[in-house]
PDB file of N, CA and C in Angstrom:
ATOM      1  N   MET A   1      57.812  70.270   1.954  1.00  0.00           N
ATOM      2  CA  MET A   1      58.956  69.210   2.343  1.00  0.00           C
ATOM      3  C   MET A   1      59.502  68.417   1.460  1.00  0.00           C
ATOM      4  N   LYS A   2      60.847  67.940   1.436  1.00  0.00           N
ATOM      5  CA  LYS A   2      61.524  67.070   0.718  1.00  0.00           C
ATOM      6  C   LYS A   2      61.463  65.639   0.965  1.00  0.00           C
ATOM      7  N   ILE A   3      61.455  65.230   0.035  1.00  0.00           N
ATOM      8  CA  ILE A   3      61.291  63.355  -0.047  1.00  0.00           C
ATOM      9  C   ILE A   3      62.345  62.961  -1.250  1.00  0.00           C
ATOM     10  N   HIS A   4      62.526  61.831  -1.050  1.00  0.00           N
ATOM     11  CA  HIS A   4      62.771  61.115  -2.107  1.00  0.00           C
ATOM     12  C   HIS A   4      62.399  59.946  -2.578  1.00  0.00           C
ATOM     13  N   ILE A   5      61.936  60.347  -4.300  1.00  0.00           N
ATOM     14  CA  ILE A   5      61.482  59.302  -5.152  1.00  0.00           C
ATOM     15  C   ILE A   5      62.449  58.259  -6.063  1.00  0.00           C
ATOM     16  N   ASN A   6      62.583  57.211  -5.557  1.00  0.00           N
ATOM     17  CA  ASN A   6      63.891  56.277  -6.371  1.00  0.00           C
ATOM     18  C   ASN A   6      64.452  57.532  -6.441  1.00  0.00           C
ATOM     19  N   LYS A   7      65.089  57.721  -5.371  1.00  0.00           N
ATOM     20  CA  LYS A   7      66.764  58.405  -5.587  1.00  0.00           C
ATOM     21  C   LYS A   7      66.772  59.936  -6.103  1.00  0.00           C
ATOM     22  N   LYS A   8      65.512  60.369  -6.195  1.00  0.00           N
ATOM     23  CA  LYS A   8      65.554  61.608  -6.969  1.00  0.00           C
ATOM     24  C   LYS A   8      64.621  62.731  -5.564  1.00  0.00           C
ATOM     25  N   GLU A   9      65.203  63.937  -5.646  1.00  0.00           N
ATOM     26  CA  GLU A   9      64.749  64.619  -4.526  1.00  0.00           C
ATOM     27  C   GLU A   9      63.420  65.102  -4.867  1.00  0.00           C
ATOM     28  N   VAL A  10      62.200  65.020  -4.125  1.00  0.00           N
ATOM     29  CA  VAL A  10      61.324  65.760  -4.917  1.00  0.00           C
ATOM     30  C   VAL A  10      60.582  66.895  -3.554  1.00  0.00           C
ATOM     31  N   GLU A  11      59.838  67.612  -4.061  1.00  0.00           N
ATOM     32  CA  GLU A  11      59.028  68.574  -3.055  1.00  0.00           C
ATOM     33  C   GLU A  11      58.097  68.700  -2.999  1.00  0.00           C
ATOM     34  N   LEU A  12      56.826  68.356  -2.261  1.00  0.00           N
ATOM     35  CA  LEU A  12      55.618  67.790  -1.963  1.00  0.00           C
ATOM     36  C   LEU A  12      55.307  68.879  -1.246  1.00  0.00           C
ATOM     37  N   PRO A  13      53.706  69.127  -0.962  1.00  0.00           N
ATOM     38  CA  PRO A  13      53.244  70.396   0.252  1.00  0.00           C
ATOM     39  C   PRO A  13      53.500  69.638   1.586  1.00  0.00           C
ATOM     40  N   GLU A  14      53.420  70.127   2.789  1.00  0.00           N
ATOM     41  CA  GLU A  14      53.616  69.640   4.066  1.00  0.00           C
ATOM     42  C   GLU A  14      51.886  68.598   3.827  1.00  0.00           C
ATOM     43  N   GLY A  15      51.646  67.260   4.604  1.00  0.00           N
ATOM     44  CA  GLY A  15      50.724  66.623   5.006  1.00  0.00           C
ATOM     45  C   GLY A  15      50.368  65.910   3.802  1.00  0.00           C
ATOM     46  N   SER A  16      51.558  65.506   2.828  1.00  0.00           N
ATOM     47  CA  SER A  16      50.909  65.280   1.725  1.00  0.00           C
ATOM     48  C   SER A  16      50.844  63.229   2.108  1.00  0.00           C
ATOM     49  N   ARG A  17      50.332  62.646   1.187  1.00  0.00           N
ATOM     50  CA  ARG A  17      50.127  61.273   1.416  1.00  0.00           C
ATOM     51  C   ARG A  17      50.356  60.422   0.529  1.00  0.00           C
ATOM     52  N   LEU A  18      50.529  59.601   0.570  1.00  0.00           N
ATOM     53  CA  LEU A  18      51.159  58.182  -0.372  1.00  0.00           C
ATOM     54  C   LEU A  18      50.183  58.315  -1.668  1.00  0.00           C
ATOM     55  N   THR A  19      48.761  58.781  -1.451  1.00  0.00           N
ATOM     56  CA  THR A  19      47.834  58.676  -2.447  1.00  0.00           C
ATOM     57  C   THR A  19      48.425  59.893  -3.693  1.00  0.00           C
ATOM     58  N   ASP A  20      48.775  61.147  -2.731  1.00  0.00           N
ATOM     59  CA  ASP A  20      49.222  62.231  -3.371  1.00  0.00           C
ATOM     60  C   ASP A  20      50.527  61.827  -4.457  1.00  0.00           C
ATOM     61  N   VAL A  21      51.581  61.037  -3.704  1.00  0.00           N
ATOM     62  CA  VAL A  21      52.555  60.628  -4.810  1.00  0.00           C
ATOM     63  C   VAL A  21      52.206  59.976  -6.074  1.00  0.00           C
ATOM     64  N   ALA A  22      51.146  59.168  -5.634  1.00  0.00           N
ATOM     65  CA  ALA A  22      50.624  58.172  -6.683  1.00  0.00           C
ATOM     66  C   ALA A  22      50.338  58.909  -7.982  1.00  0.00           C
ATOM     67  N   GLN A  23      48.790  59.801  -7.491  1.00  0.00           N
ATOM     68  CA  GLN A  23      48.546  61.042  -8.552  1.00  0.00           C
ATOM     69  C   GLN A  23      49.839  61.879  -9.473  1.00  0.00           C
ATOM     70  N   ARG A  24      50.557  62.406  -8.199  1.00  0.00           N
ATOM     71  CA  ARG A  24      51.614  62.803  -9.101  1.00  0.00           C
ATOM     72  C   ARG A  24      52.407  62.185 -10.036  1.00  0.00           C
ATOM     73  N   GLU A  25      53.048  60.837  -9.849  1.00  0.00           N
ATOM     74  CA  GLU A  25      53.675  60.084 -10.596  1.00  0.00           C
ATOM     75  C   GLU A  25      52.688  59.416 -11.564  1.00  0.00           C
ATOM     76  N   LYS A  26      51.667  59.787 -11.460  1.00  0.00           N
ATOM     77  CA  LYS A  26      50.532  58.786 -12.610  1.00  0.00           C
ATOM     78  C   LYS A  26      50.813  57.586 -12.505  1.00  0.00           C
ATOM     79  N   LEU A  27      50.675  57.146 -11.597  1.00  0.00           N
ATOM     80  CA  LEU A  27      50.585  55.601 -11.272  1.00  0.00           C
ATOM     81  C   LEU A  27      49.349  54.645 -11.611  1.00  0.00           C
ATOM     82  N   PRO A  28      49.625  53.611 -11.907  1.00  0.00           N
ATOM     83  CA  PRO A  28      48.288  52.869 -12.285  1.00  0.00           C
ATOM     84  C   PRO A  28      47.767  51.930 -11.020  1.00  0.00           C
ATOM     85  N   ASN A  29      46.433  52.094 -11.185  1.00  0.00           N
ATOM     86  CA  ASN A  29      45.927  51.603 -10.193  1.00  0.00           C
ATOM     87  C   ASN A  29      46.104  49.963  -9.683  1.00  0.00           C
ATOM     88  N   LYS A  30      46.645  49.306 -10.552  1.00  0.00           N
ATOM     89  CA  LYS A  30      47.183  47.891 -10.053  1.00  0.00           C
ATOM     90  C   LYS A  30      48.738  47.572 -10.429  1.00  0.00           C
ATOM     91  N   GLY A  31      49.222  46.711 -10.026  1.00  0.00           N
ATOM     92  CA  GLY A  31      50.880  46.622 -10.732  1.00  0.00           C
ATOM     93  C   GLY A  31      51.702  47.391 -10.221  1.00  0.00           C
ATOM     94  N   VAL A  32      51.835  47.941  -8.910  1.00  0.00           N
ATOM     95  CA  VAL A  32      52.505  48.953  -8.132  1.00  0.00           C
ATOM     96  C   VAL A  32      52.847  48.762  -6.828  1.00  0.00           C
ATOM     97  N   ALA A  33      53.803  48.703  -6.449  1.00  0.00           N
ATOM     98  CA  ALA A  33      54.558  48.450  -4.816  1.00  0.00           C
ATOM     99  C   ALA A  33      54.943  50.104  -4.436  1.00  0.00           C
ATOM    100  N   ILE A  34      55.131  50.695  -3.038  1.00  0.00           N
ATOM    101  CA  ILE A  34      55.755  51.053  -2.805  1.00  0.00           C
ATOM    102  C   ILE A  34      56.330  50.864  -1.642  1.00  0.00           C
ATOM    103  N   ALA A  35      57.222  51.306  -1.026  1.00  0.00           N
ATOM    104  CA  ALA A  35      58.118  50.982  -0.372  1.00  0.00           C
ATOM    105  C   ALA A  35      58.802  52.547   0.689  1.00  0.00           C
ATOM    106  N   VAL A  36      58.195  52.261   1.735  1.00  0.00           N
ATOM    107  CA  VAL A  36      58.477  53.542   2.606  1.00  0.00           C
ATOM    108  C   VAL A  36      59.647  53.778   3.585  1.00  0.00           C
ATOM    109  N   ASN A  37      60.770  54.699   3.352  1.00  0.00           N
ATOM    110  CA  ASN A  37      62.184  54.016   4.162  1.00  0.00           C
ATOM    111  C   ASN A  37      62.003  52.524   4.498  1.00  0.00           C
ATOM    112  N   ASN A  38      62.454  51.318   3.441  1.00  0.00           N
ATOM    113  CA  ASN A  38      62.146  50.351   3.189  1.00  0.00           C
ATOM    114  C   ASN A  38      61.374  49.643   3.837  1.00  0.00           C
ATOM    115  N   GLU A  39      59.908  49.883   3.927  1.00  0.00           N
ATOM    116  CA  GLU A  39      58.901  49.160   4.553  1.00  0.00           C
ATOM    117  C   GLU A  39      57.790  49.408   3.464  1.00  0.00           C
ATOM    118  N   LEU A  40      57.541  48.302   3.008  1.00  0.00           N
ATOM    119  CA  LEU A  40      56.277  48.090   1.984  1.00  0.00           C
ATOM    120  C   LEU A  40      54.999  48.391   2.667  1.00  0.00           C
ATOM    121  N   VAL A  41      54.247  49.230   2.003  1.00  0.00           N
ATOM    122  CA  VAL A  41      52.827  50.146   2.326  1.00  0.00           C
ATOM    123  C   VAL A  41      52.041  49.765   1.651  1.00  0.00           C
ATOM    124  N   CYS A  42      51.060  48.820   2.136  1.00  0.00           N
ATOM    125  CA  CYS A  42      49.784  48.237   1.267  1.00  0.00           C
ATOM    126  C   CYS A  42      49.378  49.132   0.736  1.00  0.00           C
ATOM    127  N   CYS A  43      48.723  49.158  -0.557  1.00  0.00           N
ATOM    128  CA  CYS A  43      48.023  49.838  -1.346  1.00  0.00           C
ATOM    129  C   CYS A  43      46.497  50.515  -0.878  1.00  0.00           C
ATOM    130  N   ASP A  44      46.294  49.648  -0.050  1.00  0.00           N
ATOM    131  CA  ASP A  44      44.854  50.238   0.814  1.00  0.00           C
ATOM    132  C   ASP A  44      45.204  51.332   1.796  1.00  0.00           C
ATOM    133  N   ASP A  45      46.551  51.022   2.468  1.00  0.00           N
ATOM    134  CA  ASP A  45      46.622  52.075   3.309  1.00  0.00           C
ATOM    135  C   ASP A  45      47.244  53.467   2.860  1.00  0.00           C
ATOM    136  N   TRP A  46      47.310  53.539   1.543  1.00  0.00           N
ATOM    137  CA  TRP A  46      48.058  54.694   0.513  1.00  0.00           C
ATOM    138  C   TRP A  46      47.378  55.998   1.434  1.00  0.00           C
ATOM    139  N   LYS A  47      46.058  56.002   1.084  1.00  0.00           N
ATOM    140  CA  LYS A  47      45.273  57.257   1.597  1.00  0.00           C
ATOM    141  C   LYS A  47      45.816  57.426   3.265  1.00  0.00           C
ATOM    142  N   ASP A  48      45.964  56.882   4.041  1.00  0.00           N
ATOM    143  CA  ASP A  48      46.018  57.212   5.428  1.00  0.00           C
ATOM    144  C   ASP A  48      47.510  57.039   5.901  1.00  0.00           C
ATOM    145  N   HIS A  49      48.516  56.678   4.761  1.00  0.00           N
ATOM    146  CA  HIS A  49      50.043  56.711   5.084  1.00  0.00           C
ATOM    147  C   HIS A  49      50.551  58.446   4.924  1.00  0.00           C
ATOM    148  N   PRO A  50      50.702  59.199   5.668  1.00  0.00           N
ATOM    149  CA  PRO A  50      51.646  60.400   5.677  1.00  0.00           C
ATOM    150  C   PRO A  50      52.992  60.321   5.821  1.00  0.00           C
ATOM    151  N   LEU A  51      53.017  61.598   4.524  1.00  0.00           N
ATOM    152  CA  LEU A  51      54.796  61.504   4.587  1.00  0.00           C
ATOM    153  C   LEU A  51      55.109  62.298   5.444  1.00  0.00           C
ATOM    154  N   ARG A  52      56.687  62.403   5.450  1.00  0.00           N
ATOM    155  CA  ARG A  52      57.448  63.165   6.426  1.00  0.00           C
ATOM    156  C   ARG A  52      59.091  63.616   5.624  1.00  0.00           C
ATOM    157  N   GLU A  53      59.311  64.734   5.850  1.00  0.00           N
ATOM    158  CA  GLU A  53      60.237  65.341   5.560  1.00  0.00           C
ATOM    159  C   GLU A  53      61.454  64.419   5.815  1.00  0.00           C
ATOM    160  N   GLY A  54      62.109  64.264   4.717  1.00  0.00           N
ATOM    161  CA  GLY A  54      63.436  63.216   4.522  1.00  0.00           C
ATOM    162  C   GLY A  54      62.990  61.708   4.017  1.00  0.00           C
ATOM    163  N   ASP A  55      61.704  61.237   3.745  1.00  0.00           N
ATOM    164  CA  ASP A  55      61.400  59.768   3.182  1.00  0.00           C
ATOM    165  C   ASP A  55      61.969  59.633   2.126  1.00  0.00           C
ATOM    166  N   ASP A  56      62.051  58.536   2.423  1.00  0.00           N
ATOM    167  CA  ASP A  56      62.842  57.650   0.817  1.00  0.00           C
ATOM    168  C   ASP A  56      61.760  56.803   0.631  1.00  0.00           C
ATOM    169  N   LEU A  57      61.220  56.791  -0.770  1.00  0.00           N
ATOM    170  CA  LEU A  57      60.311  56.220  -1.014  1.00  0.00           C
ATOM    171  C   LEU A  57      61.031  55.437  -2.417  1.00  0.00           C
ATOM    172  N   LEU A  58      60.433  54.141  -2.759  1.00  0.00           N
ATOM    173  CA  LEU A  58      60.846  53.282  -3.513  1.00  0.00           C
ATOM    174  C   LEU A  58      59.678  52.752  -4.607  1.00  0.00           C
ATOM    175  N   ILE A  59      59.153  52.983  -5.531  1.00  0.00           N
ATOM    176  CA  ILE A  59      58.519  52.848  -6.483  1.00  0.00           C
ATOM    177  C   ILE A  59      58.873  51.621  -7.717  1.00  0.00           C
ATOM    178  N   ILE A  60      57.913  50.568  -7.315  1.00  0.00           N
ATOM    179  CA  ILE A  60      58.532  49.408  -8.054  1.00  0.00           C
ATOM    180  C   ILE A  60      56.751  49.059  -8.843  1.00  0.00           C
ATOM    181  N   LYS A  61      57.230  49.369 -10.433  1.00  0.00           N
ATOM    182  CA  LYS A  61      56.191  48.700 -11.280  1.00  0.00           C
ATOM    183  C   LYS A  61      56.088  47.361 -11.798  1.00  0.00           C
ATOM    184  N   ALA A  62      55.313  46.527 -12.097  1.00  0.00           N
ATOM    185  CA  ALA A  62      55.358  45.381 -12.158  1.00  0.00           C
ATOM    186  C   ALA A  62      54.866  45.523 -13.835  1.00  0.00           C
ATOM    187  N   PHE A  63      55.704  44.853 -14.350  1.00  0.00           N
ATOM    188  CA  PHE A  63      55.163  44.633 -16.131  1.00  0.00           C
ATOM    189  C   PHE A  63      55.889  43.387 -16.836  1.00  0.00           C
ATOM    190  N   CYS A  64      54.859  42.492 -17.783  1.00  0.00           N
ATOM    191  CA  CYS A  64      54.740  41.686 -18.300  1.00  0.00           C
ATOM    192  C   CYS A  64      55.782  41.606 -19.427  1.00  0.00           C
ATOM    193  N   GLY A  65      56.382  40.590 -19.801  1.00  0.00           N
ATOM    194  CA  GLY A  65      57.037  40.122 -21.277  1.00  0.00           C
ATOM    195  C   GLY A  65      58.268  39.156 -20.624  1.00  0.00           C
ATOM    196  N   GLY A  66      58.839  38.862 -21.464  1.00  0.00           N
ATOM    197  CA  GLY A  66      59.749  38.201 -21.484  1.00  0.00           C
ATOM    198  C   GLY A  66      61.441  38.262 -22.121  1.00  0.00           C
TER     199      GLY A  66
END
């Protein structure tokens, strides 16, 4: 299935979940937020959140600095 991650088209296997995206993108365990179709999904729910054809994901990584 095809989805968009930060406006880039990505192909994932059917049945993929947000945890699969986090692993694929090598996201850290903390300091990351993911919105699916403009709705924030709590990181505790990533394993239970199925992805669907055409979903639009926005991944935001927090960073420190000035």
